Amino acid sequence: MKIADEEYNESQQALIHDLVSALLSDQIIQRQKAREQLVEIGGPAVDYLARSFKTRNKALRWEIMKTLVQIADKRSLHLFINSLEDKNTDIRWLAAEGLIKLGHISLKPLLKDLIERPNSIFLKEGVHHVLHDVIRKSDLQETFTPILAELKETDDDEKVAVLAWTLLKNLEGRI
């Protein structure tokens, strides 16, 4: 049973802290159970997980990102977007998967970041992956075809930014 944000108290904070610590366990089963419990807690764990993601410990960062993807809370949106440029390929992949799980709410923020940083190779790769999967079964597929092609085929950063801006304007009021 997920804990409502308003029911979040000190004992639950302590539990979340202990579960995040358990994500460092040498025991695979213990890490998996901790992740499952954090997913069950849901929203109240998101902020603590996001703060803990700043660690340099690669294994813990992966576990935290995996947990956040499974929770799929919109408060993770910007962490997912920022993580598309992470040095670690696995983190980038998980971040894209998190954005895919969030669905259409990730589209506008992704396009805004693409406008601001069209020269980021990792961002462009991640955006392509997310857009492809999010719009695959929607009525937006045709609308996104030009930017998907541009992200995959060329290195024209200015054109990517212009297409992202145009799409953002076209999406106003649609999603």
Protein backbone atom coordinates (compact mmCIF):
# COMPACT_ATOMS: atom_id res chain seq x y z
CA MET A 1 0.00 0.00 0.00
CA LYS A 2 1.44 3.35 -1.03
CA ILE A 3 1.86 5.94 1.67
CA ALA A 4 0.04 9.20 1.00
CA ASP A 5 2.38 12.20 1.03
CA GLU A 6 0.45 13.79 3.87
CA GLU A 7 0.97 10.66 6.01
CA TYR A 8 4.74 10.92 5.61
CA ASN A 9 6.31 11.23 9.06
CA GLU A 10 9.61 10.79 10.87
CA SER A 11 9.31 7.01 11.22
CA GLN A 12 8.69 6.70 7.48
CA GLN A 13 11.66 9.00 6.81
CA ALA A 14 13.80 6.67 8.91
CA LEU A 15 12.43 3.64 7.05
CA ILE A 16 13.19 5.26 3.68
CA HIS A 17 16.71 6.08 4.88
CA ASP A 18 17.25 2.46 5.98
CA LEU A 19 15.87 1.11 2.70
CA VAL A 20 18.14 3.37 0.64
CA SER A 21 21.07 2.15 2.75
CA ALA A 22 19.98 -1.42 2.03
CA LEU A 23 20.34 -0.69 -1.69
CA LEU A 24 24.10 -0.93 -1.03
CA SER A 25 23.86 -4.46 0.33
CA ASP A 26 26.14 -7.15 -1.07
CA GLN A 27 23.08 -9.41 -1.10
CA ILE A 28 21.08 -9.18 -4.34
CA ILE A 29 17.88 -10.31 -2.62
CA GLN A 30 18.21 -7.65 0.08
CA ARG A 31 18.74 -4.92 -2.56
CA GLN A 32 15.75 -6.15 -4.54
CA LYS A 33 13.51 -6.24 -1.46
CA ALA A 34 14.60 -2.72 -0.45
CA ARG A 35 13.81 -1.47 -3.95
CA GLU A 36 10.40 -3.19 -3.88
CA GLN A 37 9.59 -1.59 -0.51
CA LEU A 38 10.64 1.84 -1.76
CA VAL A 39 8.43 1.39 -4.81
CA GLU A 40 5.58 0.40 -2.51
CA ILE A 41 6.11 3.56 -0.45
CA GLY A 42 6.00 5.53 -3.69
CA GLY A 43 5.80 9.32 -3.70
CA PRO A 44 7.15 10.01 -0.21
CA ALA A 45 10.39 8.22 -1.16
CA VAL A 46 10.98 10.26 -4.32
CA ASP A 47 12.54 13.37 -2.76
CA TYR A 48 14.86 11.35 -0.53
CA LEU A 49 15.89 9.15 -3.45
CA ALA A 50 16.53 12.19 -5.64
CA ARG A 51 18.74 13.76 -2.95
CA SER A 52 20.57 10.45 -2.48
CA PHE A 53 21.18 10.18 -6.22
CA LYS A 54 23.93 12.82 -5.88
CA THR A 55 26.24 10.16 -4.43
CA ARG A 56 29.38 9.14 -6.30
CA ASN A 57 28.66 5.47 -5.64
CA LYS A 58 27.80 4.07 -9.08
CA ALA A 59 25.97 1.02 -7.77
CA LEU A 60 23.79 3.10 -5.45
CA ARG A 61 23.04 5.60 -8.21
CA TRP A 62 21.90 2.75 -10.46
CA GLU A 63 19.69 1.28 -7.71
CA ILE A 64 18.16 4.68 -6.97
CA MET A 65 17.46 5.37 -10.64
CA LYS A 66 15.95 1.91 -11.08
CA THR A 67 13.71 2.54 -8.08
CA LEU A 68 12.63 5.97 -9.34
CA VAL A 69 11.78 4.49 -12.73
CA GLN A 70 9.61 1.86 -11.06
CA ILE A 71 7.87 4.49 -8.92
CA ALA A 72 7.26 6.65 -12.03
CA ASP A 73 6.38 9.82 -10.11
CA LYS A 74 6.27 13.07 -12.06
CA ARG A 75 8.51 14.69 -9.44
CA SER A 76 11.34 12.64 -10.98
CA LEU A 77 10.84 14.27 -14.38
CA HIS A 78 13.74 16.76 -14.20
CA LEU A 79 16.09 14.24 -12.61
CA PHE A 80 15.33 11.87 -15.48
CA ILE A 81 15.89 14.61 -18.06
CA ASN A 82 19.16 15.73 -16.47
CA SER A 83 20.29 12.12 -16.22
CA LEU A 84 20.01 11.70 -19.98
CA GLU A 85 23.44 13.37 -20.00
CA ASP A 86 24.96 11.23 -17.24
CA LYS A 87 28.43 9.77 -17.84
CA ASN A 88 27.08 6.29 -17.09
CA THR A 89 25.30 4.64 -20.02
CA ASP A 90 23.11 2.54 -17.72
CA ILE A 91 21.89 5.64 -15.89
CA ARG A 92 21.10 7.35 -19.19
CA TRP A 93 19.13 4.31 -20.34
CA LEU A 94 17.17 4.10 -17.08
CA ALA A 95 16.45 7.84 -17.20
CA ALA A 96 15.00 7.43 -20.69
CA GLU A 97 12.90 4.51 -19.47
CA GLY A 98 11.63 6.69 -16.61
CA LEU A 99 10.60 9.40 -19.05
CA ILE A 100 8.86 6.83 -21.23
CA LYS A 101 6.91 5.61 -18.20
CA LEU A 102 5.87 9.19 -17.45
CA GLY A 103 4.56 9.43 -21.00
CA HIS A 104 3.21 12.61 -22.56
CA ILE A 105 4.07 14.81 -19.56
CA SER A 106 7.73 14.39 -20.49
CA LEU A 107 7.37 15.73 -24.04
CA LYS A 108 7.31 19.51 -23.47
CA PRO A 109 10.14 19.57 -20.89
CA LEU A 110 12.25 17.38 -23.18
CA LEU A 111 11.70 19.70 -26.11
CA LYS A 112 12.58 22.73 -23.95
CA ASP A 113 15.86 21.09 -22.92
CA LEU A 114 16.59 20.19 -26.52
CA ILE A 115 16.12 23.85 -27.49
CA GLU A 116 18.55 24.91 -24.75
CA ARG A 117 21.15 22.19 -25.41
CA PRO A 118 20.81 20.97 -29.00
CA ASN A 119 24.51 20.14 -29.18
CA SER A 120 24.40 17.51 -26.43
CA ILE A 121 24.87 14.14 -28.10
CA PHE A 122 23.63 12.21 -25.07
CA LEU A 123 20.56 14.43 -24.73
CA LYS A 124 19.71 14.01 -28.41
CA GLU A 125 20.10 10.22 -28.19
CA GLY A 126 17.92 10.07 -25.08
CA VAL A 127 15.27 12.38 -26.51
CA HIS A 128 15.09 10.27 -29.67
CA HIS A 129 14.60 7.10 -27.61
CA VAL A 130 11.92 8.69 -25.43
CA LEU A 131 10.04 10.41 -28.23
CA HIS A 132 10.03 7.28 -30.34
CA ASP A 133 8.52 5.18 -27.56
CA VAL A 134 6.12 7.76 -26.10
CA ILE A 135 4.52 8.77 -29.39
CA ARG A 136 4.67 5.35 -31.05
CA LYS A 137 1.03 4.57 -30.38
CA SER A 138 -0.40 8.08 -30.37
CA ASP A 139 -1.88 10.54 -32.80
CA LEU A 140 1.32 12.60 -32.45
CA GLN A 141 3.49 10.20 -34.43
CA GLU A 142 3.28 12.13 -37.69
CA THR A 143 3.90 15.44 -35.90
CA PHE A 144 7.17 14.13 -34.43
CA THR A 145 8.50 12.38 -37.55
CA PRO A 146 10.68 15.33 -38.71
CA ILE A 147 12.48 15.75 -35.39
CA LEU A 148 12.95 12.00 -34.96
CA ALA A 149 14.60 11.86 -38.38
CA GLU A 150 16.75 14.89 -37.60
CA LEU A 151 17.87 13.50 -34.23
CA LYS A 152 18.88 10.22 -35.84
CA GLU A 153 20.36 11.31 -39.16
CA THR A 154 22.21 14.61 -38.82
CA ASP A 155 24.38 16.72 -36.58
CA ASP A 156 22.70 20.02 -37.43
CA ASP A 157 22.16 21.32 -33.90
CA GLU A 158 20.49 24.51 -35.06
CA LYS A 159 17.94 22.58 -37.10
CA VAL A 160 17.22 20.32 -34.09
CA ALA A 161 16.60 23.40 -31.90
CA VAL A 162 14.30 24.96 -34.51
CA LEU A 163 12.32 21.74 -34.94
CA ALA A 164 12.02 21.36 -31.16
CA TRP A 165 10.80 24.96 -30.84
CA THR A 166 8.27 24.48 -33.65
CA LEU A 167 6.99 21.26 -32.08
CA LEU A 168 6.69 22.92 -28.69
CA LYS A 169 4.53 25.66 -30.20
CA ASN A 170 2.43 23.10 -32.08
CA LEU A 171 1.81 21.12 -28.89
CA GLU A 172 0.36 24.06 -26.96
CA GLY A 173 -3.16 23.12 -26.01
CA ARG A 174 -2.79 19.58 -27.37
CA ILE A 175 -1.07 17.92 -24.43
